[in-house]
Amino acid sequence: MTSIRRLAMVSACSLGFFLPSPPVHSQDDTDLAKQLSNPVAALISVPFQFNYDGNVGPHHDGDKYYLNLQPVIPFHLNDTWNLISRTILPVVSQDNIAPGSGSQTGLGDVVQSFFLSPQKPTDSGLIWGVGPVFLLPTETNGLLGAEKWGAGPTAVLLWQANGWTYGALANHIWSFAGDGNRQGVNSTFFQPFLSYTTTDAWTFGLNTESTYDWKNHQWSTPINATVSKLLKFGKQPVSIGGGVRYWATGPDSGPHGWGGRLIVTFLFPQ
């Protein structure tokens, strides 16, 4: 279950040998930075998110690194609706997360979400999306995933005004098939978020990525604070950021204390 509690998290990526062009603080850059704060924006983006968590396990002597590849692809259905595909594919390296567990490196479980979302906000400025979420047992090692197929509902709602973005994303996953010797999945994910984007395309964000495990009646709640900046590498817009997180609560087998995050997101405006 520990991989499911943290399937919503992050990574780093090489940018090659290109040097960024001088900062250009255009309205387009600011708008792109704001769209990155909207989970259902009609914008193709490919985030590479790297997380580090220490003090993992009941004896607080384990470590975990994970790179999440999180492509977001919008599909234009008609003049009213978009379908937004959001994928989380984790690559995990962990050590000593449980007594005698040793080290594991490989793929974790994929979480795939689809949001049906109006192309325009409501009259009150509400932006929303609803749809299904799926858990796919793609793990390459039993300690990196749940070894279960799962599905459930997901939804997001948010408002954006005067540089501010605030709202929440949630989903619930029940397992329905998989290894019968593994505990089933019955998990709620809840992510309230708040961010502010400046006129020169800096974004300051705060969120929690809380998961409630209904099987074990246990919350896992990291609080994340991040800063990012939209840059141009030639004509390619790229957002680069990082931050810290603190685990407010969690199971004995999970992380404790402080962790870190780096984020590199490639944007492909239509």
C-alpha atoms as a PDB file:
ATOM      1  CA  MET A   1       0.000   0.000   0.000  1.00  0.00           C
ATOM      2  CA  THR A   2       2.916   2.383   0.523  1.00  0.00           C
ATOM      3  CA  SER A   3       3.330   2.859  -3.244  1.00  0.00           C
ATOM      4  CA  ILE A   4      -0.368   3.756  -3.588  1.00  0.00           C
ATOM      5  CA  ARG A   5      -0.100   6.330  -0.829  1.00  0.00           C
ATOM      6  CA  ARG A   6       2.527   8.137  -2.800  1.00  0.00           C
ATOM      7  CA  LEU A   7       1.562   7.560  -6.438  1.00  0.00           C
ATOM      8  CA  ALA A   8       0.773  11.222  -6.720  1.00  0.00           C
ATOM      9  CA  MET A   9       4.458  12.347  -6.332  1.00  0.00           C
ATOM     10  CA  VAL A  10       7.671  13.490  -8.254  1.00  0.00           C
ATOM     11  CA  SER A  11      11.097  13.769 -10.246  1.00  0.00           C
ATOM     12  CA  ALA A  12      14.059  15.232 -12.137  1.00  0.00           C
ATOM     13  CA  CYS A  13      15.128  15.117 -15.728  1.00  0.00           C
ATOM     14  CA  SER A  14      18.177  16.030 -17.819  1.00  0.00           C
ATOM     15  CA  LEU A  15      17.780  19.088 -20.025  1.00  0.00           C
ATOM     16  CA  GLY A  16      20.707  18.265 -22.284  1.00  0.00           C
ATOM     17  CA  PHE A  17      23.216  20.970 -23.222  1.00  0.00           C
ATOM     18  CA  PHE A  18      20.836  23.759 -24.236  1.00  0.00           C
ATOM     19  CA  LEU A  19      21.131  27.079 -22.494  1.00  0.00           C
ATOM     20  CA  PRO A  20      17.930  28.910 -21.601  1.00  0.00           C
ATOM     21  CA  SER A  21      17.169  32.041 -23.559  1.00  0.00           C
ATOM     22  CA  PRO A  22      17.014  35.321 -21.596  1.00  0.00           C
ATOM     23  CA  PRO A  23      13.893  35.627 -19.429  1.00  0.00           C
ATOM     24  CA  VAL A  24      10.886  36.892 -21.362  1.00  0.00           C
ATOM     25  CA  HIS A  25       8.074  37.938 -19.076  1.00  0.00           C
ATOM     26  CA  SER A  26       5.265  37.930 -21.627  1.00  0.00           C
ATOM     27  CA  GLN A  27       1.606  37.449 -20.870  1.00  0.00           C
ATOM     28  CA  ASP A  28       1.815  34.127 -22.743  1.00  0.00           C
ATOM     29  CA  ASP A  29       4.447  32.880 -20.293  1.00  0.00           C
ATOM     30  CA  THR A  30       2.335  33.921 -17.328  1.00  0.00           C
ATOM     31  CA  ASP A  31      -0.742  32.235 -18.797  1.00  0.00           C
ATOM     32  CA  LEU A  32       1.211  29.015 -19.384  1.00  0.00           C
ATOM     33  CA  ALA A  33       2.456  29.048 -15.802  1.00  0.00           C
ATOM     34  CA  LYS A  34      -1.121  29.506 -14.567  1.00  0.00           C
ATOM     35  CA  GLN A  35      -2.320  26.622 -16.734  1.00  0.00           C
ATOM     36  CA  LEU A  36       0.202  24.327 -15.048  1.00  0.00           C
ATOM     37  CA  SER A  37      -1.653  24.948 -11.782  1.00  0.00           C
ATOM     38  CA  ASN A  38      -4.876  23.682 -13.397  1.00  0.00           C
ATOM     39  CA  PRO A  39      -5.053  19.844 -13.498  1.00  0.00           C
ATOM     40  CA  VAL A  40      -7.630  19.933 -16.323  1.00  0.00           C
ATOM     41  CA  ALA A  41      -6.104  22.679 -18.486  1.00  0.00           C
ATOM     42  CA  ALA A  42      -6.271  22.018 -22.242  1.00  0.00           C
ATOM     43  CA  LEU A  43      -2.477  21.923 -22.410  1.00  0.00           C
ATOM     44  CA  ILE A  44      -0.162  19.045 -23.234  1.00  0.00           C
ATOM     45  CA  SER A  45       2.446  18.834 -20.491  1.00  0.00           C
ATOM     46  CA  VAL A  46       4.981  16.197 -19.488  1.00  0.00           C
ATOM     47  CA  PRO A  47       6.141  16.576 -15.878  1.00  0.00           C
ATOM     48  CA  PHE A  48       9.118  14.637 -14.562  1.00  0.00           C
ATOM     49  CA  GLN A  49       8.811  14.686 -10.795  1.00  0.00           C
ATOM     50  CA  PHE A  50      11.489  13.417  -8.424  1.00  0.00           C
ATOM     51  CA  ASN A  51      10.886  12.769  -4.731  1.00  0.00           C
ATOM     52  CA  TYR A  52      13.110  11.740  -1.896  1.00  0.00           C
ATOM     53  CA  ASP A  53      11.779  10.453   1.427  1.00  0.00           C
ATOM     54  CA  GLY A  54      13.922   9.348   4.337  1.00  0.00           C
ATOM     55  CA  ASN A  55      13.252   7.790   7.718  1.00  0.00           C
ATOM     56  CA  VAL A  56      11.106   5.129   6.053  1.00  0.00           C
ATOM     57  CA  GLY A  57       9.959   2.054   7.919  1.00  0.00           C
ATOM     58  CA  PRO A  58       9.194   1.182  11.544  1.00  0.00           C
ATOM     59  CA  HIS A  59      12.830   1.759  12.549  1.00  0.00           C
ATOM     60  CA  HIS A  60      13.158   4.973  10.464  1.00  0.00           C
ATOM     61  CA  ASP A  61      16.252   3.629   8.684  1.00  0.00           C
ATOM     62  CA  GLY A  62      14.962   3.270   5.107  1.00  0.00           C
ATOM     63  CA  ASP A  63      15.153   5.544   2.056  1.00  0.00           C
ATOM     64  CA  LYS A  64      12.974   5.921  -0.995  1.00  0.00           C
ATOM     65  CA  TYR A  65      13.536   7.717  -4.309  1.00  0.00           C
ATOM     66  CA  TYR A  66      10.888   7.841  -6.989  1.00  0.00           C
ATOM     67  CA  LEU A  67      10.610   9.460 -10.381  1.00  0.00           C
ATOM     68  CA  ASN A  68       7.044   9.998 -11.568  1.00  0.00           C
ATOM     69  CA  LEU A  69       6.456  10.492 -15.266  1.00  0.00           C
ATOM     70  CA  GLN A  70       3.111  12.318 -15.380  1.00  0.00           C
ATOM     71  CA  PRO A  71       1.975  13.179 -18.946  1.00  0.00           C
ATOM     72  CA  VAL A  72      -1.211  15.216 -19.282  1.00  0.00           C
ATOM     73  CA  ILE A  73      -2.932  15.023 -22.695  1.00  0.00           C
ATOM     74  CA  PRO A  74      -6.174  16.860 -23.523  1.00  0.00           C
ATOM     75  CA  PHE A  75      -8.575  15.620 -26.200  1.00  0.00           C
ATOM     76  CA  HIS A  76     -10.972  18.098 -27.808  1.00  0.00           C
ATOM     77  CA  LEU A  77     -14.352  16.338 -27.994  1.00  0.00           C
ATOM     78  CA  ASN A  78     -16.506  19.220 -29.288  1.00  0.00           C
ATOM     79  CA  ASP A  79     -17.026  22.932 -28.772  1.00  0.00           C
ATOM     80  CA  THR A  80     -18.141  22.334 -25.178  1.00  0.00           C
ATOM     81  CA  TRP A  81     -16.149  19.451 -23.704  1.00  0.00           C
ATOM     82  CA  ASN A  82     -12.579  18.248 -23.305  1.00  0.00           C
ATOM     83  CA  LEU A  83     -11.353  14.866 -22.118  1.00  0.00           C
ATOM     84  CA  ILE A  84      -8.148  15.158 -20.078  1.00  0.00           C
ATOM     85  CA  SER A  85      -5.884  12.117 -19.670  1.00  0.00           C
ATOM     86  CA  ARG A  86      -3.554  12.192 -16.650  1.00  0.00           C
ATOM     87  CA  THR A  87      -1.090   9.326 -16.121  1.00  0.00           C
ATOM     88  CA  ILE A  88       1.255   8.657 -13.210  1.00  0.00           C
ATOM     89  CA  LEU A  89       4.018   6.150 -13.990  1.00  0.00           C
ATOM     90  CA  PRO A  90       6.446   5.771 -11.046  1.00  0.00           C
ATOM     91  CA  VAL A  91      10.029   4.530 -11.260  1.00  0.00           C
ATOM     92  CA  VAL A  92      11.099   3.614  -7.728  1.00  0.00           C
ATOM     93  CA  SER A  93      14.337   2.875  -5.918  1.00  0.00           C
ATOM     94  CA  GLN A  94      14.057   2.006  -2.239  1.00  0.00           C
ATOM     95  CA  ASP A  95      16.169   0.507   0.477  1.00  0.00           C
ATOM     96  CA  ASN A  96      15.344  -1.065   3.821  1.00  0.00           C
ATOM     97  CA  ILE A  97      11.703   0.089   3.884  1.00  0.00           C
ATOM     98  CA  ALA A  98      10.864  -2.876   6.129  1.00  0.00           C
ATOM     99  CA  PRO A  99      13.039  -5.106   8.340  1.00  0.00           C
ATOM    100  CA  GLY A 100      14.994  -7.490   6.111  1.00  0.00           C
ATOM    101  CA  SER A 101      13.449  -6.146   2.885  1.00  0.00           C
ATOM    102  CA  GLY A 102      16.737  -5.156   1.229  1.00  0.00           C
ATOM    103  CA  SER A 103      16.736  -2.959  -1.884  1.00  0.00           C
ATOM    104  CA  GLN A 104      14.365  -2.794  -4.845  1.00  0.00           C
ATOM    105  CA  THR A 105      14.431  -0.764  -8.066  1.00  0.00           C
ATOM    106  CA  GLY A 106      11.843  -0.817 -10.833  1.00  0.00           C
ATOM    107  CA  LEU A 107       8.389   0.295 -11.906  1.00  0.00           C
ATOM    108  CA  GLY A 108       5.540   0.863  -9.497  1.00  0.00           C
ATOM    109  CA  ASP A 109       1.803   0.750 -10.203  1.00  0.00           C
ATOM    110  CA  VAL A 110       0.333   3.118 -12.799  1.00  0.00           C
ATOM    111  CA  VAL A 111      -2.581   5.374 -11.873  1.00  0.00           C
ATOM    112  CA  GLN A 112      -4.546   6.484 -14.942  1.00  0.00           C
ATOM    113  CA  SER A 113      -7.244   9.176 -14.681  1.00  0.00           C
ATOM    114  CA  PHE A 114      -9.647  10.628 -17.235  1.00  0.00           C
ATOM    115  CA  PHE A 115     -11.513  13.898 -16.622  1.00  0.00           C
ATOM    116  CA  LEU A 116     -14.482  15.092 -18.652  1.00  0.00           C
ATOM    117  CA  SER A 117     -14.243  18.866 -18.314  1.00  0.00           C
ATOM    118  CA  PRO A 118     -16.053  21.879 -19.846  1.00  0.00           C
ATOM    119  CA  GLN A 119     -13.878  24.025 -22.077  1.00  0.00           C
ATOM    120  CA  LYS A 120     -14.983  27.192 -20.269  1.00  0.00           C
ATOM    121  CA  PRO A 121     -15.400  27.971 -16.564  1.00  0.00           C
ATOM    122  CA  THR A 122     -18.868  28.490 -15.134  1.00  0.00           C
ATOM    123  CA  ASP A 123     -20.265  31.996 -14.607  1.00  0.00           C
ATOM    124  CA  SER A 124     -18.877  31.888 -11.054  1.00  0.00           C
ATOM    125  CA  GLY A 125     -15.394  30.990 -12.384  1.00  0.00           C
ATOM    126  CA  LEU A 126     -15.517  27.328 -11.341  1.00  0.00           C
ATOM    127  CA  ILE A 127     -13.340  24.936 -13.359  1.00  0.00           C
ATOM    128  CA  TRP A 128     -14.184  21.276 -12.857  1.00  0.00           C
ATOM    129  CA  GLY A 129     -13.722  17.767 -14.206  1.00  0.00           C
ATOM    130  CA  VAL A 130     -15.034  14.304 -13.345  1.00  0.00           C
ATOM    131  CA  GLY A 131     -14.311  10.804 -14.576  1.00  0.00           C
ATOM    132  CA  PRO A 132     -12.837   7.409 -13.760  1.00  0.00           C
ATOM    133  CA  VAL A 133      -9.477   6.486 -12.264  1.00  0.00           C
ATOM    134  CA  PHE A 134      -7.734   3.138 -12.739  1.00  0.00           C
ATOM    135  CA  LEU A 135      -4.980   1.316 -10.862  1.00  0.00           C
ATOM    136  CA  LEU A 136      -2.827  -0.862 -13.133  1.00  0.00           C
ATOM    137  CA  PRO A 137      -0.484  -3.499 -11.597  1.00  0.00           C
ATOM    138  CA  THR A 138       2.635  -2.608 -13.574  1.00  0.00           C
ATOM    139  CA  GLU A 139       5.062  -3.094 -10.676  1.00  0.00           C
ATOM    140  CA  THR A 140       8.201  -5.095 -11.407  1.00  0.00           C
ATOM    141  CA  ASN A 141       8.627  -6.183  -7.795  1.00  0.00           C
ATOM    142  CA  GLY A 142       6.006  -7.112  -5.212  1.00  0.00           C
ATOM    143  CA  LEU A 143       7.365  -4.503  -2.773  1.00  0.00           C
ATOM    144  CA  LEU A 144       6.890  -1.721  -5.343  1.00  0.00           C
ATOM    145  CA  GLY A 145       3.136  -2.074  -5.808  1.00  0.00           C
ATOM    146  CA  ALA A 146      -0.127  -3.594  -4.674  1.00  0.00           C
ATOM    147  CA  GLU A 147      -0.338  -6.341  -7.345  1.00  0.00           C
ATOM    148  CA  LYS A 148      -4.005  -5.411  -7.761  1.00  0.00           C
ATOM    149  CA  TRP A 149      -6.283  -4.064 -10.479  1.00  0.00           C
ATOM    150  CA  GLY A 150      -8.405  -1.186  -9.227  1.00  0.00           C
ATOM    151  CA  ALA A 151     -10.869   1.467 -10.339  1.00  0.00           C
ATOM    152  CA  GLY A 152     -13.079   4.224  -8.974  1.00  0.00           C
ATOM    153  CA  PRO A 153     -14.223   7.838  -9.452  1.00  0.00           C
ATOM    154  CA  THR A 154     -12.122  10.978  -9.576  1.00  0.00           C
ATOM    155  CA  ALA A 155     -12.983  14.682  -9.594  1.00  0.00           C
ATOM    156  CA  VAL A 156     -11.324  18.090  -9.479  1.00  0.00           C
ATOM    157  CA  LEU A 157     -12.658  21.596  -8.919  1.00  0.00           C
ATOM    158  CA  LEU A 158     -10.801  24.890  -8.752  1.00  0.00           C
ATOM    159  CA  TRP A 159     -10.971  28.637  -9.237  1.00  0.00           C
ATOM    160  CA  GLN A 160      -8.383  30.946 -10.803  1.00  0.00           C
ATOM    161  CA  ALA A 161      -8.348  34.735 -10.335  1.00  0.00           C
ATOM    162  CA  ASN A 162      -5.748  37.507  -9.941  1.00  0.00           C
ATOM    163  CA  GLY A 163      -2.858  35.031 -10.100  1.00  0.00           C
ATOM    164  CA  TRP A 164      -4.342  32.721  -7.477  1.00  0.00           C
ATOM    165  CA  THR A 165      -5.363  29.106  -8.055  1.00  0.00           C
ATOM    166  CA  TYR A 166      -7.179  27.177  -5.341  1.00  0.00           C
ATOM    167  CA  GLY A 167      -9.182  23.981  -5.297  1.00  0.00           C
ATOM    168  CA  ALA A 168      -8.945  20.250  -4.689  1.00  0.00           C
ATOM    169  CA  LEU A 169      -8.503  16.953  -6.527  1.00  0.00           C
ATOM    170  CA  ALA A 170      -9.786  13.659  -5.143  1.00  0.00           C
ATOM    171  CA  ASN A 171     -10.213  10.032  -6.122  1.00  0.00           C
ATOM    172  CA  HIS A 172     -11.147   6.712  -4.597  1.00  0.00           C
ATOM    173  CA  ILE A 173      -9.826   3.338  -5.731  1.00  0.00           C
ATOM    174  CA  TRP A 174     -11.217  -0.105  -4.933  1.00  0.00           C
ATOM    175  CA  SER A 175      -9.373  -3.207  -6.090  1.00  0.00           C
ATOM    176  CA  PHE A 176     -11.381  -5.828  -7.989  1.00  0.00           C
ATOM    177  CA  ALA A 177      -8.767  -8.346  -9.173  1.00  0.00           C
ATOM    178  CA  GLY A 178      -5.136  -9.329  -8.723  1.00  0.00           C
ATOM    179  CA  ASP A 179      -3.015 -11.429  -6.403  1.00  0.00           C
ATOM    180  CA  GLY A 180      -5.401 -13.066  -3.958  1.00  0.00           C
ATOM    181  CA  ASN A 181      -2.675 -13.297  -1.336  1.00  0.00           C
ATOM    182  CA  ARG A 182      -2.281  -9.513  -1.197  1.00  0.00           C
ATOM    183  CA  GLN A 183      -4.476  -7.168   0.816  1.00  0.00           C
ATOM    184  CA  GLY A 184      -7.171  -5.443  -1.238  1.00  0.00           C
ATOM    185  CA  VAL A 185      -7.081  -1.734  -2.052  1.00  0.00           C
ATOM    186  CA  ASN A 186      -9.699   0.612  -0.594  1.00  0.00           C
ATOM    187  CA  SER A 187      -8.045   4.019  -0.691  1.00  0.00           C
ATOM    188  CA  THR A 188      -9.148   7.664  -0.844  1.00  0.00           C
ATOM    189  CA  PHE A 189      -6.772  10.309  -2.196  1.00  0.00           C
ATOM    190  CA  PHE A 190      -7.440  13.980  -1.392  1.00  0.00           C
ATOM    191  CA  GLN A 191      -5.295  16.884  -2.623  1.00  0.00           C
ATOM    192  CA  PRO A 192      -6.324  20.438  -1.709  1.00  0.00           C
ATOM    193  CA  PHE A 193      -4.020  22.977  -3.363  1.00  0.00           C
ATOM    194  CA  LEU A 194      -3.230  26.686  -3.348  1.00  0.00           C
ATOM    195  CA  SER A 195      -0.799  28.537  -5.614  1.00  0.00           C
ATOM    196  CA  TYR A 196       0.070  32.040  -6.731  1.00  0.00           C
ATOM    197  CA  THR A 197       1.623  32.899 -10.118  1.00  0.00           C
ATOM    198  CA  THR A 198       3.433  36.217 -10.521  1.00  0.00           C
ATOM    199  CA  THR A 199       3.501  38.374 -13.649  1.00  0.00           C
ATOM    200  CA  ASP A 200       7.039  37.126 -14.371  1.00  0.00           C
ATOM    201  CA  ALA A 201       5.925  33.456 -14.348  1.00  0.00           C
ATOM    202  CA  TRP A 202       7.067  32.377 -10.888  1.00  0.00           C
ATOM    203  CA  THR A 203       4.619  30.054  -9.122  1.00  0.00           C
ATOM    204  CA  PHE A 204       4.525  29.449  -5.367  1.00  0.00           C
ATOM    205  CA  GLY A 205       2.452  26.450  -4.294  1.00  0.00           C
ATOM    206  CA  LEU A 206       1.219  24.671  -1.198  1.00  0.00           C
ATOM    207  CA  ASN A 207      -0.723  21.409  -1.089  1.00  0.00           C
ATOM    208  CA  THR A 208      -1.268  18.189   0.762  1.00  0.00           C
ATOM    209  CA  GLU A 209      -1.447  14.765  -0.920  1.00  0.00           C
ATOM    210  CA  SER A 210      -3.382  12.855   1.696  1.00  0.00           C
ATOM    211  CA  THR A 211      -4.414   9.225   1.379  1.00  0.00           C
ATOM    212  CA  TYR A 212      -6.760   7.364   3.696  1.00  0.00           C
ATOM    213  CA  ASP A 213      -6.381   3.576   3.772  1.00  0.00           C
ATOM    214  CA  TRP A 214      -9.819   2.229   4.695  1.00  0.00           C
ATOM    215  CA  LYS A 215      -8.438  -1.275   5.223  1.00  0.00           C
ATOM    216  CA  ASN A 216      -6.037  -0.202   7.956  1.00  0.00           C
ATOM    217  CA  HIS A 217      -7.825   3.025   8.997  1.00  0.00           C
ATOM    218  CA  GLN A 218      -4.679   5.070   8.486  1.00  0.00           C
ATOM    219  CA  TRP A 219      -3.951   8.519   7.017  1.00  0.00           C
ATOM    220  CA  SER A 220      -0.763   9.358   5.108  1.00  0.00           C
ATOM    221  CA  THR A 221      -0.423  13.147   4.844  1.00  0.00           C
ATOM    222  CA  PRO A 222       2.585  14.913   3.335  1.00  0.00           C
ATOM    223  CA  ILE A 223       2.454  18.731   3.199  1.00  0.00           C
ATOM    224  CA  ASN A 224       4.307  20.108   0.143  1.00  0.00           C
ATOM    225  CA  ALA A 225       5.660  23.619  -0.462  1.00  0.00           C
ATOM    226  CA  THR A 226       7.078  24.311  -3.942  1.00  0.00           C
ATOM    227  CA  VAL A 227       8.473  27.110  -6.091  1.00  0.00           C
ATOM    228  CA  SER A 228       8.730  26.927  -9.896  1.00  0.00           C
ATOM    229  CA  LYS A 229       9.705  29.183 -12.808  1.00  0.00           C
ATOM    230  CA  LEU A 230       8.689  29.047 -16.461  1.00  0.00           C
ATOM    231  CA  LEU A 231      11.706  29.321 -18.788  1.00  0.00           C
ATOM    232  CA  LYS A 232      12.352  29.017 -22.523  1.00  0.00           C
ATOM    233  CA  PHE A 233      14.968  26.634 -23.936  1.00  0.00           C
ATOM    234  CA  GLY A 234      15.034  27.915 -27.491  1.00  0.00           C
ATOM    235  CA  LYS A 235      11.313  27.910 -28.279  1.00  0.00           C
ATOM    236  CA  GLN A 236      10.533  25.120 -25.813  1.00  0.00           C
ATOM    237  CA  PRO A 237       8.737  26.286 -22.653  1.00  0.00           C
ATOM    238  CA  VAL A 238       9.888  24.394 -19.586  1.00  0.00           C
ATOM    239  CA  SER A 239       8.881  24.823 -15.957  1.00  0.00           C
ATOM    240  CA  ILE A 240      11.590  24.053 -13.403  1.00  0.00           C
ATOM    241  CA  GLY A 241      10.932  23.931  -9.685  1.00  0.00           C
ATOM    242  CA  GLY A 242      11.461  22.258  -6.379  1.00  0.00           C
ATOM    243  CA  GLY A 243      10.441  22.235  -2.783  1.00  0.00           C
ATOM    244  CA  VAL A 244      10.200  20.429   0.504  1.00  0.00           C
ATOM    245  CA  ARG A 245       7.585  18.333   2.218  1.00  0.00           C
ATOM    246  CA  TYR A 246       6.817  17.303   5.747  1.00  0.00           C
ATOM    247  CA  TRP A 247       5.002  14.092   6.666  1.00  0.00           C
ATOM    248  CA  ALA A 248       2.391  15.247   9.166  1.00  0.00           C
ATOM    249  CA  THR A 249       1.115  11.725   9.752  1.00  0.00           C
ATOM    250  CA  GLY A 250       1.490   8.237   8.324  1.00  0.00           C
ATOM    251  CA  PRO A 251       1.818   4.540   9.142  1.00  0.00           C
ATOM    252  CA  ASP A 252       4.879   3.075  10.828  1.00  0.00           C
ATOM    253  CA  SER A 253       5.929   1.590   7.475  1.00  0.00           C
ATOM    254  CA  GLY A 254       5.837   4.987   5.717  1.00  0.00           C
ATOM    255  CA  PRO A 255       8.174   7.991   5.629  1.00  0.00           C
ATOM    256  CA  HIS A 256       8.667  10.250   8.627  1.00  0.00           C
ATOM    257  CA  GLY A 257       9.815  13.842   8.907  1.00  0.00           C
ATOM    258  CA  TRP A 258      11.113  15.815   5.931  1.00  0.00           C
ATOM    259  CA  GLY A 259      11.454  14.979   2.235  1.00  0.00           C
ATOM    260  CA  GLY A 260      12.337  16.799  -0.977  1.00  0.00           C
ATOM    261  CA  ARG A 261      10.968  17.313  -4.473  1.00  0.00           C
ATOM    262  CA  LEU A 262      12.295  18.475  -7.852  1.00  0.00           C
ATOM    263  CA  ILE A 263      10.048  19.115 -10.853  1.00  0.00           C
ATOM    264  CA  VAL A 264      10.806  19.580 -14.561  1.00  0.00           C
ATOM    265  CA  THR A 265       7.779  20.014 -16.832  1.00  0.00           C
ATOM    266  CA  PHE A 266       7.864  20.262 -20.629  1.00  0.00           C
ATOM    267  CA  LEU A 267       4.932  22.195 -22.097  1.00  0.00           C
ATOM    268  CA  PHE A 268       3.512  21.807 -25.591  1.00  0.00           C
ATOM    269  CA  PRO A 269       0.993  24.629 -26.218  1.00  0.00           C
ATOM    270  CA  GLN A 270      -1.503  23.875 -28.942  1.00  0.00           C
END
